[in-house]
Amino acid sequence: MTAAKKSPAPRIPVPRRDILDSLRGSVDETISLFYLGYRAGVAGPGRVLDKLGFGRPHHRILYVVARQPGIAIGSLIEMLAVSRQALHRPLRDLVAQGYVAQKAAPTNRRLALLTLTPKGAALESKLTDLQYQAFAKAFAATGPEAEQHWKAVMRALADQVRPAFTV
């Protein structure tokens, strides 16, 4: 009995090293600018949050709940791509300090729905306004065409993570 010959695995084209190396500098700069731009976008809200003893997770919760009032905790966990444990402390802080209201769903008392209180809406608006100002300044400096290109790149990146994410 002879062993059957295995057919060779199909060849997957590998990008040429020289092409990858030529792109690396451009991509490295892009990644650096992405990190710096992120820092600039969250710096203003970060100062406000620090004064309240809050952090970025608190802001993310406020941002999503403002755009989806009545969101269930499970849906918020899914949208933020965090564990229940990671959400627990910042959400507890926001509820305890009167920024977020939590109430049972009328059709399912076990389902908790979240909304911003007037205090929470004011804080979320203040934080988002600081981000609007940072973006407005950058877009004013670069022009509307650059803004559209930037949005296209951000959409393409976002689609890799959560194609159906819309707020």
C-alpha atoms as a PDB file:
ATOM      1  CA  MET A   1       0.000   0.000   0.000  1.00  0.00           C
ATOM      2  CA  THR A   2       1.470   3.338  -1.016  1.00  0.00           C
ATOM      3  CA  ALA A   3       0.788   6.601   0.690  1.00  0.00           C
ATOM      4  CA  ALA A   4      -1.247   9.085  -1.295  1.00  0.00           C
ATOM      5  CA  LYS A   5       0.720  12.098  -2.367  1.00  0.00           C
ATOM      6  CA  LYS A   6      -0.393  15.323  -0.776  1.00  0.00           C
ATOM      7  CA  SER A   7      -0.966  18.127  -3.175  1.00  0.00           C
ATOM      8  CA  PRO A   8       1.103  21.169  -2.307  1.00  0.00           C
ATOM      9  CA  ALA A   9      -0.653  23.944  -0.421  1.00  0.00           C
ATOM     10  CA  PRO A  10      -1.690  26.828  -2.651  1.00  0.00           C
ATOM     11  CA  ARG A  11       0.825  29.640  -2.685  1.00  0.00           C
ATOM     12  CA  ILE A  12      -0.354  32.799  -1.045  1.00  0.00           C
ATOM     13  CA  PRO A  13       1.284  35.822  -2.595  1.00  0.00           C
ATOM     14  CA  VAL A  14       3.463  37.603  -0.088  1.00  0.00           C
ATOM     15  CA  PRO A  15       4.020  41.328  -0.565  1.00  0.00           C
ATOM     16  CA  ARG A  16       7.542  42.139  -1.561  1.00  0.00           C
ATOM     17  CA  ARG A  17       9.677  43.285   1.341  1.00  0.00           C
ATOM     18  CA  ASP A  18      10.811  46.437  -0.459  1.00  0.00           C
ATOM     19  CA  ILE A  19       7.182  47.518  -0.968  1.00  0.00           C
ATOM     20  CA  LEU A  20       6.371  46.931   2.700  1.00  0.00           C
ATOM     21  CA  ASP A  21       9.482  48.821   3.796  1.00  0.00           C
ATOM     22  CA  SER A  22       8.610  51.800   1.592  1.00  0.00           C
ATOM     23  CA  LEU A  23       5.128  51.994   3.141  1.00  0.00           C
ATOM     24  CA  ARG A  24       6.322  51.577   6.733  1.00  0.00           C
ATOM     25  CA  GLY A  25       7.489  55.171   7.168  1.00  0.00           C
ATOM     26  CA  SER A  26       4.186  56.563   5.923  1.00  0.00           C
ATOM     27  CA  VAL A  27       2.144  54.175   8.068  1.00  0.00           C
ATOM     28  CA  ASP A  28       4.309  54.862  11.133  1.00  0.00           C
ATOM     29  CA  GLU A  29       3.652  58.570  10.713  1.00  0.00           C
ATOM     30  CA  THR A  30      -0.074  57.876  10.263  1.00  0.00           C
ATOM     31  CA  ILE A  31      -0.207  55.818  13.460  1.00  0.00           C
ATOM     32  CA  SER A  32       1.708  58.483  15.381  1.00  0.00           C
ATOM     33  CA  LEU A  33      -0.636  61.186  14.112  1.00  0.00           C
ATOM     34  CA  PHE A  34      -3.635  59.015  14.999  1.00  0.00           C
ATOM     35  CA  TYR A  35      -2.443  58.708  18.614  1.00  0.00           C
ATOM     36  CA  LEU A  36      -1.629  62.407  18.867  1.00  0.00           C
ATOM     37  CA  GLY A  37      -4.936  63.378  17.271  1.00  0.00           C
ATOM     38  CA  TYR A  38      -6.796  61.129  19.703  1.00  0.00           C
ATOM     39  CA  ARG A  39      -5.010  62.766  22.612  1.00  0.00           C
ATOM     40  CA  ALA A  40      -5.958  66.206  21.302  1.00  0.00           C
ATOM     41  CA  GLY A  41      -9.573  65.116  20.842  1.00  0.00           C
ATOM     42  CA  VAL A  42      -9.930  63.861  24.411  1.00  0.00           C
ATOM     43  CA  ALA A  43      -7.718  66.401  26.221  1.00  0.00           C
ATOM     44  CA  GLY A  44     -10.447  68.982  26.898  1.00  0.00           C
ATOM     45  CA  PRO A  45     -13.021  66.451  28.096  1.00  0.00           C
ATOM     46  CA  GLY A  46     -10.287  64.708  30.093  1.00  0.00           C
ATOM     47  CA  ARG A  47      -9.628  67.834  32.163  1.00  0.00           C
ATOM     48  CA  VAL A  48     -13.327  68.186  32.978  1.00  0.00           C
ATOM     49  CA  LEU A  49     -13.651  64.486  33.807  1.00  0.00           C
ATOM     50  CA  ASP A  50     -10.554  64.575  36.039  1.00  0.00           C
ATOM     51  CA  LYS A  51     -12.078  67.336  38.159  1.00  0.00           C
ATOM     52  CA  LEU A  52     -15.120  65.102  38.731  1.00  0.00           C
ATOM     53  CA  GLY A  53     -13.075  61.991  39.470  1.00  0.00           C
ATOM     54  CA  PHE A  54     -14.252  60.420  36.211  1.00  0.00           C
ATOM     55  CA  GLY A  55     -12.377  58.982  33.247  1.00  0.00           C
ATOM     56  CA  ARG A  56     -12.810  58.067  29.592  1.00  0.00           C
ATOM     57  CA  PRO A  57     -15.205  55.164  30.332  1.00  0.00           C
ATOM     58  CA  HIS A  58     -17.608  57.604  32.004  1.00  0.00           C
ATOM     59  CA  HIS A  59     -17.529  59.835  28.928  1.00  0.00           C
ATOM     60  CA  ARG A  60     -18.137  56.918  26.570  1.00  0.00           C
ATOM     61  CA  ILE A  61     -21.189  55.878  28.581  1.00  0.00           C
ATOM     62  CA  LEU A  62     -22.579  59.423  28.626  1.00  0.00           C
ATOM     63  CA  TYR A  63     -21.966  59.818  24.885  1.00  0.00           C
ATOM     64  CA  VAL A  64     -23.803  56.633  23.901  1.00  0.00           C
ATOM     65  CA  VAL A  65     -26.695  57.057  26.347  1.00  0.00           C
ATOM     66  CA  ALA A  66     -27.205  60.636  25.089  1.00  0.00           C
ATOM     67  CA  ARG A  67     -27.612  59.311  21.546  1.00  0.00           C
ATOM     68  CA  GLN A  68     -29.672  56.259  22.477  1.00  0.00           C
ATOM     69  CA  PRO A  69     -31.905  57.187  25.417  1.00  0.00           C
ATOM     70  CA  GLY A  70     -33.489  54.129  26.970  1.00  0.00           C
ATOM     71  CA  ILE A  71     -30.649  51.827  25.909  1.00  0.00           C
ATOM     72  CA  ALA A  72     -30.502  48.538  27.803  1.00  0.00           C
ATOM     73  CA  ILE A  73     -27.364  47.812  29.798  1.00  0.00           C
ATOM     74  CA  GLY A  74     -26.702  44.710  27.677  1.00  0.00           C
ATOM     75  CA  SER A  75     -26.880  46.773  24.493  1.00  0.00           C
ATOM     76  CA  LEU A  76     -24.533  49.366  25.986  1.00  0.00           C
ATOM     77  CA  ILE A  77     -22.041  46.614  26.845  1.00  0.00           C
ATOM     78  CA  GLU A  78     -22.231  45.331  23.284  1.00  0.00           C
ATOM     79  CA  MET A  79     -21.909  48.790  21.742  1.00  0.00           C
ATOM     80  CA  LEU A  80     -18.890  49.735  23.865  1.00  0.00           C
ATOM     81  CA  ALA A  81     -17.364  46.261  23.448  1.00  0.00           C
ATOM     82  CA  VAL A  82     -16.617  45.976  27.164  1.00  0.00           C
ATOM     83  CA  SER A  83     -17.352  43.364  29.791  1.00  0.00           C
ATOM     84  CA  ARG A  84     -20.121  43.738  32.347  1.00  0.00           C
ATOM     85  CA  GLN A  85     -17.393  44.124  34.984  1.00  0.00           C
ATOM     86  CA  ALA A  86     -15.664  46.921  33.056  1.00  0.00           C
ATOM     87  CA  LEU A  87     -18.951  48.802  32.739  1.00  0.00           C
ATOM     88  CA  HIS A  88     -20.071  48.293  36.327  1.00  0.00           C
ATOM     89  CA  ARG A  89     -17.942  50.843  38.212  1.00  0.00           C
ATOM     90  CA  PRO A  90     -18.233  53.825  35.835  1.00  0.00           C
ATOM     91  CA  LEU A  91     -21.963  53.244  35.380  1.00  0.00           C
ATOM     92  CA  ARG A  92     -22.438  52.894  39.136  1.00  0.00           C
ATOM     93  CA  ASP A  93     -20.567  56.215  39.608  1.00  0.00           C
ATOM     94  CA  LEU A  94     -22.754  57.992  37.053  1.00  0.00           C
ATOM     95  CA  VAL A  95     -25.982  56.652  38.555  1.00  0.00           C
ATOM     96  CA  ALA A  96     -24.913  57.376  42.154  1.00  0.00           C
ATOM     97  CA  GLN A  97     -23.939  60.952  41.330  1.00  0.00           C
ATOM     98  CA  GLY A  98     -27.124  61.666  39.399  1.00  0.00           C
ATOM     99  CA  TYR A  99     -25.825  61.787  35.829  1.00  0.00           C
ATOM    100  CA  VAL A 100     -27.606  58.658  34.563  1.00  0.00           C
ATOM    101  CA  ALA A 101     -31.041  57.327  35.491  1.00  0.00           C
ATOM    102  CA  GLN A 102     -31.655  53.604  35.496  1.00  0.00           C
ATOM    103  CA  LYS A 103     -35.173  52.211  35.402  1.00  0.00           C
ATOM    104  CA  ALA A 104     -36.803  48.889  34.682  1.00  0.00           C
ATOM    105  CA  ALA A 105     -38.274  48.327  31.238  1.00  0.00           C
ATOM    106  CA  PRO A 106     -42.083  48.409  31.299  1.00  0.00           C
ATOM    107  CA  THR A 107     -42.411  45.044  29.554  1.00  0.00           C
ATOM    108  CA  ASN A 108     -39.549  43.244  31.331  1.00  0.00           C
ATOM    109  CA  ARG A 109     -38.770  44.362  34.874  1.00  0.00           C
ATOM    110  CA  ARG A 110     -35.406  42.539  34.776  1.00  0.00           C
ATOM    111  CA  LEU A 111     -34.194  44.749  31.912  1.00  0.00           C
ATOM    112  CA  ALA A 112     -32.577  48.012  33.064  1.00  0.00           C
ATOM    113  CA  LEU A 113     -32.877  50.995  30.713  1.00  0.00           C
ATOM    114  CA  LEU A 114     -30.575  53.999  30.878  1.00  0.00           C
ATOM    115  CA  THR A 115     -31.218  57.684  30.222  1.00  0.00           C
ATOM    116  CA  LEU A 116     -29.321  60.834  31.039  1.00  0.00           C
ATOM    117  CA  THR A 117     -30.634  63.070  33.768  1.00  0.00           C
ATOM    118  CA  PRO A 118     -30.599  66.837  33.110  1.00  0.00           C
ATOM    119  CA  LYS A 119     -27.299  66.930  35.027  1.00  0.00           C
ATOM    120  CA  GLY A 120     -25.924  64.133  32.830  1.00  0.00           C
ATOM    121  CA  ALA A 121     -27.144  65.795  29.638  1.00  0.00           C
ATOM    122  CA  ALA A 122     -25.410  69.030  30.645  1.00  0.00           C
ATOM    123  CA  LEU A 123     -22.127  67.228  31.345  1.00  0.00           C
ATOM    124  CA  GLU A 124     -22.290  65.208  28.134  1.00  0.00           C
ATOM    125  CA  SER A 125     -23.018  68.366  26.147  1.00  0.00           C
ATOM    126  CA  LYS A 126     -20.066  70.167  27.737  1.00  0.00           C
ATOM    127  CA  LEU A 127     -17.699  67.269  26.989  1.00  0.00           C
ATOM    128  CA  THR A 128     -18.893  66.853  23.416  1.00  0.00           C
ATOM    129  CA  ASP A 129     -18.747  70.609  22.799  1.00  0.00           C
ATOM    130  CA  LEU A 130     -15.052  70.522  23.720  1.00  0.00           C
ATOM    131  CA  GLN A 131     -14.535  67.799  21.144  1.00  0.00           C
ATOM    132  CA  TYR A 132     -16.568  69.711  18.556  1.00  0.00           C
ATOM    133  CA  GLN A 133     -14.287  72.710  19.118  1.00  0.00           C
ATOM    134  CA  ALA A 134     -11.133  70.619  18.626  1.00  0.00           C
ATOM    135  CA  PHE A 135     -12.487  69.134  15.396  1.00  0.00           C
ATOM    136  CA  ALA A 136     -13.813  72.458  14.134  1.00  0.00           C
ATOM    137  CA  LYS A 137     -10.392  74.037  14.628  1.00  0.00           C
ATOM    138  CA  ALA A 138      -8.622  71.189  12.806  1.00  0.00           C
ATOM    139  CA  PHE A 139     -11.125  71.127   9.933  1.00  0.00           C
ATOM    140  CA  ALA A 140     -10.983  74.914   9.577  1.00  0.00           C
ATOM    141  CA  ALA A 141      -7.202  74.637   9.234  1.00  0.00           C
ATOM    142  CA  THR A 142      -7.343  71.866   6.617  1.00  0.00           C
ATOM    143  CA  GLY A 143     -10.513  72.576   4.631  1.00  0.00           C
ATOM    144  CA  PRO A 144     -13.717  70.701   3.763  1.00  0.00           C
ATOM    145  CA  GLU A 145     -12.064  68.295   1.326  1.00  0.00           C
ATOM    146  CA  ALA A 146      -9.622  67.139   4.004  1.00  0.00           C
ATOM    147  CA  GLU A 147     -12.538  66.684   6.400  1.00  0.00           C
ATOM    148  CA  GLN A 148     -14.336  64.409   3.927  1.00  0.00           C
ATOM    149  CA  HIS A 149     -11.191  62.355   3.328  1.00  0.00           C
ATOM    150  CA  TRP A 150     -10.587  62.040   7.065  1.00  0.00           C
ATOM    151  CA  LYS A 151     -14.164  60.847   7.611  1.00  0.00           C
ATOM    152  CA  ALA A 152     -13.772  58.272   4.833  1.00  0.00           C
ATOM    153  CA  VAL A 153     -10.642  56.875   6.499  1.00  0.00           C
ATOM    154  CA  MET A 154     -12.337  56.788   9.919  1.00  0.00           C
ATOM    155  CA  ARG A 155     -15.396  55.001   8.433  1.00  0.00           C
ATOM    156  CA  ALA A 156     -13.135  52.417   6.797  1.00  0.00           C
ATOM    157  CA  LEU A 157     -11.375  51.807  10.124  1.00  0.00           C
ATOM    158  CA  ALA A 158     -14.668  51.660  12.029  1.00  0.00           C
ATOM    159  CA  ASP A 159     -16.094  49.170   9.528  1.00  0.00           C
ATOM    160  CA  GLN A 160     -13.261  46.758  10.404  1.00  0.00           C
ATOM    161  CA  VAL A 161     -14.435  46.684  14.011  1.00  0.00           C
ATOM    162  CA  ARG A 162     -18.169  47.208  14.033  1.00  0.00           C
ATOM    163  CA  PRO A 163     -19.803  47.485  10.611  1.00  0.00           C
ATOM    164  CA  ALA A 164     -23.266  48.145  12.027  1.00  0.00           C
ATOM    165  CA  PHE A 165     -22.196  50.681  14.654  1.00  0.00           C
ATOM    166  CA  THR A 166     -24.236  53.820  14.301  1.00  0.00           C
ATOM    167  CA  VAL A 167     -24.839  56.450  16.931  1.00  0.00           C
END
